């Protein structure tokens, strides 16, 4: 008897958590793709179990999904989740052939990330009202995001014991719970030190070891970091569409423009492949030209 969608979904979730050691955010992204596929079959009156899905069914689903979601990156991400699900079913022996193996990914052009100039970052920092209770906390957040090139999930999960002041390093827990050492600037450490004095005055601290807390002494959410940054950008008069990830992009871009080794930047960002880091070499054409003039024997 073939597994139901609910059973397959639950088994897949367990596989991602225990065998692949994925984070909750990654697991949610993968499983939401499978729920979309199941819902498509239900809405279209197709009584198909996971083991009964054919290549043609997936082609129909992706054509339908593409009509409502024209962003090729979104399409590609959904396809990635579906591929992972059917690879899992193949490993488990629930199917004999993978119906997703022949489906091609949509072509994705190179999309360069939005980057802030150093002046714009200073404008955002200057827009922080330090007279407010959360002022020094928000300044420490910006300096840490930009100074260490962190993902927002890495920032909200930073613990007090991750900060090594004497060595000027932080221990960052990235994707797949992989840890890396990242240098932290004296400026960021100074702002964290000032914020910690405010943190210690909170009436209640529910998460004793978590660095950045809300006014109720609880863990800050990713959504709250987005809100803080959007509000500060608006106050600073910056029109760019920015997010917490913009500071990570800006960190990488400014490092490479200043001549930092690509491998070192890869290590600090926690990229598994250097190809991911190389996107930042496309951002500043003048940097590429200067590099050519400086190093090419025919320049």
Protein backbone atom coordinates (compact mmCIF):
# COMPACT_ATOMS: atom_id res chain seq x y z
CA UNK A 1 0.00 0.00 0.00
CA UNK A 2 1.45 3.35 -1.05
CA UNK A 3 2.00 6.12 1.49
CA UNK A 4 -0.47 8.97 1.74
CA UNK A 5 0.62 12.57 1.27
CA UNK A 6 0.38 13.14 5.02
CA UNK A 7 2.60 10.13 5.84
CA UNK A 8 5.12 10.97 3.11
CA UNK A 9 5.17 14.60 4.22
CA UNK A 10 5.88 13.61 7.84
CA UNK A 11 8.62 11.13 6.84
CA UNK A 12 10.26 13.69 4.53
CA UNK A 13 10.25 16.29 7.31
CA UNK A 14 11.95 13.83 9.68
CA UNK A 15 14.53 12.96 7.01
CA UNK A 16 15.40 16.64 6.46
CA UNK A 17 15.70 17.28 10.18
CA UNK A 18 17.62 14.20 11.30
CA UNK A 19 19.61 13.03 8.28
CA UNK A 20 20.19 16.31 6.46
CA UNK A 21 20.43 18.44 9.66
CA UNK A 22 18.59 21.32 7.99
CA UNK A 23 17.40 24.37 9.91
CA UNK A 24 13.71 24.94 10.69
CA UNK A 25 13.57 27.66 8.00
CA UNK A 26 14.97 25.33 5.32
CA UNK A 27 12.64 22.50 6.34
CA UNK A 28 9.65 24.85 6.18
CA UNK A 29 10.67 25.97 2.68
CA UNK A 30 11.02 22.40 1.38
CA UNK A 31 7.80 21.12 2.95
CA UNK A 32 5.77 24.11 1.74
CA UNK A 33 6.72 23.15 -1.84
CA UNK A 34 5.25 19.67 -1.34
CA UNK A 35 2.08 21.12 0.16
CA UNK A 36 1.70 23.30 -2.96
CA UNK A 37 1.94 20.20 -5.16
CA UNK A 38 -0.58 18.25 -3.07
CA UNK A 39 -3.00 21.22 -3.06
CA UNK A 40 -2.70 21.52 -6.85
CA UNK A 41 -3.78 17.89 -7.27
CA UNK A 42 -6.70 18.30 -4.82
CA UNK A 43 -7.91 21.56 -6.42
CA UNK A 44 -7.81 19.97 -9.87
CA UNK A 45 -9.63 16.82 -8.80
CA UNK A 46 -6.66 14.52 -9.33
CA UNK A 47 -6.62 11.58 -6.92
CA UNK A 48 -2.87 10.90 -7.10
CA UNK A 49 -0.72 9.52 -4.28
CA UNK A 50 2.98 10.52 -4.00
CA UNK A 51 4.06 7.19 -5.53
CA UNK A 52 1.63 7.68 -8.43
CA UNK A 53 2.98 11.06 -9.59
CA UNK A 54 4.28 10.98 -13.17
CA UNK A 55 6.62 13.28 -15.12
CA UNK A 56 3.60 14.67 -17.01
CA UNK A 57 1.84 15.53 -13.72
CA UNK A 58 4.84 17.54 -12.55
CA UNK A 59 5.11 19.31 -15.92
CA UNK A 60 1.43 20.30 -15.64
CA UNK A 61 1.93 21.54 -12.07
CA UNK A 62 4.98 23.62 -12.97
CA UNK A 63 3.19 25.13 -15.99
CA UNK A 64 0.27 26.07 -13.73
CA UNK A 65 2.59 27.41 -11.02
CA UNK A 66 4.58 29.43 -13.57
CA UNK A 67 1.44 31.24 -14.75
CA UNK A 68 0.84 32.59 -11.24
CA UNK A 69 4.49 33.03 -10.25
CA UNK A 70 6.54 34.53 -13.06
CA UNK A 71 9.71 34.95 -10.96
CA UNK A 72 12.11 32.28 -12.25
CA UNK A 73 13.96 32.16 -8.94
CA UNK A 74 10.74 31.29 -7.12
CA UNK A 75 9.95 28.62 -9.72
CA UNK A 76 13.44 27.18 -9.40
CA UNK A 77 13.21 27.03 -5.61
CA UNK A 78 9.86 25.18 -5.73
CA UNK A 79 11.31 22.72 -8.24
CA UNK A 80 14.29 22.17 -5.94
CA UNK A 81 11.96 21.19 -3.09
CA UNK A 82 9.97 18.81 -5.30
CA UNK A 83 13.17 17.17 -6.59
CA UNK A 84 14.40 16.63 -3.04
CA UNK A 85 11.06 15.05 -2.08
CA UNK A 86 11.07 12.54 -4.93
CA UNK A 87 14.75 11.72 -4.39
CA UNK A 88 13.77 10.90 -0.81
CA UNK A 89 10.92 8.64 -1.98
CA UNK A 90 13.36 6.86 -4.30
CA UNK A 91 15.85 6.30 -1.45
CA UNK A 92 13.03 4.95 0.74
CA UNK A 93 11.93 2.54 -1.98
CA UNK A 94 8.48 4.13 -2.28
CA UNK A 95 9.00 4.74 -6.02
CA UNK A 96 11.07 2.92 -8.64
CA UNK A 97 11.67 5.94 -10.89
CA UNK A 98 12.05 9.62 -10.05
CA UNK A 99 9.46 11.61 -12.07
CA UNK A 100 11.31 14.89 -11.35
CA UNK A 101 14.71 13.78 -12.68
CA UNK A 102 14.10 14.93 -16.27
CA UNK A 103 12.54 18.32 -15.48
CA UNK A 104 14.79 21.24 -16.40
CA UNK A 105 15.17 24.25 -14.15
CA UNK A 106 14.00 27.62 -15.50
CA UNK A 107 16.86 29.78 -16.76
CA UNK A 108 17.87 32.35 -14.15
CA UNK A 109 19.82 35.42 -15.16
CA UNK A 110 22.51 36.91 -12.96
CA UNK A 111 20.74 39.18 -10.49
CA UNK A 112 23.14 41.43 -8.66
CA UNK A 113 22.17 42.12 -5.06
CA UNK A 114 21.36 45.62 -3.81
CA UNK A 115 24.35 47.17 -2.07
CA UNK A 116 24.64 50.15 0.27
CA UNK A 117 27.55 52.56 0.08
CA UNK A 118 29.57 53.23 3.23
CA UNK A 119 27.97 56.69 3.34
CA UNK A 120 24.46 55.14 3.23
CA UNK A 121 25.33 52.76 6.06
CA UNK A 122 26.55 55.73 8.11
CA UNK A 123 23.25 57.52 7.31
CA UNK A 124 21.27 54.54 8.65
CA UNK A 125 23.37 54.42 11.82
CA UNK A 126 22.92 58.19 12.29
CA UNK A 127 19.13 57.77 11.96
CA UNK A 128 19.03 55.69 15.16
CA UNK A 129 17.54 57.56 18.12
CA UNK A 130 19.90 56.66 20.97
CA UNK A 131 17.60 58.33 23.53
CA UNK A 132 15.10 55.49 23.08
CA UNK A 133 15.46 52.27 25.13
CA UNK A 134 16.12 50.20 22.00
CA UNK A 135 18.52 52.74 20.46
CA UNK A 136 21.85 51.21 21.48
CA UNK A 137 20.51 47.72 20.75
CA UNK A 138 19.59 48.73 17.19
CA UNK A 139 22.98 50.36 16.66
CA UNK A 140 24.72 47.19 17.85
CA UNK A 141 22.50 45.15 15.49
CA UNK A 142 23.46 47.24 12.44
CA UNK A 143 27.17 47.26 13.32
CA UNK A 144 27.14 43.47 13.84
CA UNK A 145 25.14 42.71 10.68
CA UNK A 146 27.44 44.84 8.53
CA UNK A 147 30.67 44.26 10.47
CA UNK A 148 30.41 40.45 10.33
CA UNK A 149 28.35 39.90 7.17
CA UNK A 150 25.79 37.77 8.99
CA UNK A 151 22.54 36.25 7.77
CA UNK A 152 19.54 37.51 9.76
CA UNK A 153 18.95 34.05 11.25
CA UNK A 154 22.58 33.99 12.42
CA UNK A 155 22.20 37.41 14.03
CA UNK A 156 19.05 36.62 16.04
CA UNK A 157 20.61 33.38 17.30
CA UNK A 158 23.86 34.97 18.50
CA UNK A 159 24.55 34.17 22.16
CA UNK A 160 26.58 36.05 24.72
CA UNK A 161 28.97 33.10 24.91
CA UNK A 162 29.55 33.34 21.13
CA UNK A 163 31.27 36.73 21.54
CA UNK A 164 35.00 36.43 22.25
CA UNK A 165 36.02 39.97 23.06
CA UNK A 166 39.75 39.46 23.70
CA UNK A 167 40.23 37.52 20.44
CA UNK A 168 37.81 39.79 18.51
CA UNK A 169 35.97 36.82 17.02
CA UNK A 170 32.40 35.54 17.12
CA UNK A 171 31.23 31.96 16.74
CA UNK A 172 28.47 31.96 14.12
CA UNK A 173 26.05 29.05 13.65
CA UNK A 174 25.07 29.04 9.97
CA UNK A 175 23.10 26.83 7.60
CA UNK A 176 22.94 23.17 8.57
CA UNK A 177 24.09 24.12 12.10
CA UNK A 178 27.64 24.53 10.78
CA UNK A 179 29.77 26.79 12.92
CA UNK A 180 32.44 29.22 11.74
CA UNK A 181 34.69 31.85 13.31
CA UNK A 182 34.16 35.39 12.04
CA UNK A 183 36.28 38.42 13.01
CA UNK A 184 34.31 41.22 14.63
CA UNK A 185 35.36 44.86 14.51
CA UNK A 186 36.24 46.94 17.55
CA UNK A 187 33.37 49.27 16.62
CA UNK A 188 30.81 46.46 16.72
CA UNK A 189 32.25 45.17 20.02
CA UNK A 190 32.03 48.68 21.49
CA UNK A 191 28.34 49.00 20.52
CA UNK A 192 27.58 45.51 21.88
CA UNK A 193 29.26 46.50 25.16
CA UNK A 194 27.11 49.65 25.46
CA UNK A 195 23.95 47.71 24.57
CA UNK A 196 24.71 45.02 27.17
CA UNK A 197 24.39 47.66 29.89
CA UNK A 198 20.84 48.42 28.66
CA UNK A 199 20.16 44.70 28.30
CA UNK A 200 21.07 44.08 31.95
CA UNK A 201 18.47 46.68 33.00
CA UNK A 202 15.56 44.82 31.38
CA UNK A 203 12.95 43.94 34.05
CA UNK A 204 12.80 40.32 32.84
CA UNK A 205 15.28 38.31 30.75
CA UNK A 206 13.71 35.10 29.50
CA UNK A 207 16.57 34.06 27.19
CA UNK A 208 19.61 34.54 29.41
CA UNK A 209 22.26 33.65 26.80
CA UNK A 210 20.67 35.24 23.71
CA UNK A 211 22.44 38.50 22.81
CA UNK A 212 19.72 40.61 21.17
CA UNK A 213 16.43 40.76 23.08
CA UNK A 214 13.14 42.63 22.74
CA UNK A 215 11.75 44.84 25.53
CA UNK A 216 10.06 41.78 27.11
CA UNK A 217 13.44 40.07 27.46
CA UNK A 218 12.69 37.50 24.75
CA UNK A 219 14.40 36.37 21.57
CA UNK A 220 14.11 38.89 18.69
CA UNK A 221 12.42 37.50 15.58
CA UNK A 222 13.70 37.75 12.01
CA UNK A 223 10.61 39.80 11.15
CA UNK A 224 11.48 42.32 13.86
CA UNK A 225 14.96 42.82 12.37
CA UNK A 226 13.33 43.48 8.97
CA UNK A 227 11.03 46.08 10.55
CA UNK A 228 13.91 47.83 12.37
CA UNK A 229 15.93 48.12 9.16
CA UNK A 230 13.02 49.26 6.98
CA UNK A 231 12.15 51.98 9.51
CA UNK A 232 15.76 53.20 9.78
CA UNK A 233 16.20 53.27 5.98
CA UNK A 234 13.04 55.36 5.66
CA UNK A 235 14.25 57.79 8.35
CA UNK A 236 17.62 58.07 6.59
CA UNK A 237 15.87 58.89 3.30
CA UNK A 238 17.29 55.86 1.48
CA UNK A 239 15.09 54.83 -1.44
CA UNK A 240 16.72 51.46 -2.14
CA UNK A 241 14.75 48.30 -1.41
CA UNK A 242 16.86 46.97 1.45
CA UNK A 243 16.61 44.14 3.96
CA UNK A 244 18.93 42.65 6.62
CA UNK A 245 20.61 40.68 3.82
CA UNK A 246 21.61 43.97 2.15
CA UNK A 247 24.17 44.52 4.92
CA UNK A 248 25.65 41.08 4.23
CA UNK A 249 25.90 41.93 0.50
CA UNK A 250 27.45 45.30 1.35
CA UNK A 251 29.98 43.66 3.69
CA UNK A 252 31.12 41.25 0.96
CA UNK A 253 31.23 43.91 -1.75
CA UNK A 254 33.22 46.39 0.32
CA UNK A 255 35.67 43.67 1.40
CA UNK A 256 36.35 42.58 -2.19
CA UNK A 257 36.56 46.17 -3.46
CA UNK A 258 39.20 46.82 -0.82
CA UNK A 259 41.24 43.88 -2.15
CA UNK A 260 40.31 41.09 0.29
CA UNK A 261 41.08 37.52 -0.77
CA UNK A 262 38.01 35.82 -2.26
CA UNK A 263 38.63 32.64 -0.25
CA UNK A 264 38.78 34.63 2.99
CA UNK A 265 35.46 36.34 2.16
CA UNK A 266 33.96 32.93 1.33
CA UNK A 267 35.03 31.63 4.75
CA UNK A 268 33.62 34.65 6.59
CA UNK A 269 30.28 34.45 4.76
CA UNK A 270 30.02 30.70 5.29
CA UNK A 271 29.52 29.92 1.59
CA UNK A 272 30.03 26.26 0.73
CA UNK A 273 30.98 27.09 -2.85
CA UNK A 274 33.27 29.92 -3.93
CA UNK A 275 30.97 30.34 -6.97
CA UNK A 276 28.41 31.90 -4.61
CA UNK A 277 30.99 34.38 -3.34
CA UNK A 278 32.13 35.26 -6.86
CA UNK A 279 28.88 37.12 -7.56
CA UNK A 280 30.35 40.04 -5.60
CA UNK A 281 33.16 40.42 -8.13
CA UNK A 282 30.50 41.34 -10.72
CA UNK A 283 29.18 44.29 -8.75
CA UNK A 284 31.94 46.85 -9.16
CA UNK A 285 33.21 46.99 -12.74
CA UNK A 286 35.87 49.56 -11.83
CA UNK A 287 37.25 47.08 -9.29
CA UNK A 288 37.54 44.44 -12.01
CA UNK A 289 39.27 46.89 -14.35
CA UNK A 290 41.71 48.00 -11.64
CA UNK A 291 42.51 44.34 -10.92
CA UNK A 292 43.19 43.70 -14.61
CA UNK A 293 45.47 46.73 -14.92
CA UNK A 294 47.34 45.80 -11.77
CA UNK A 295 47.89 42.09 -12.39
CA UNK A 296 47.65 41.28 -16.11
CA UNK A 297 51.06 41.15 -17.86
CA UNK A 298 49.64 42.76 -21.05
CA UNK A 299 47.71 45.53 -19.26
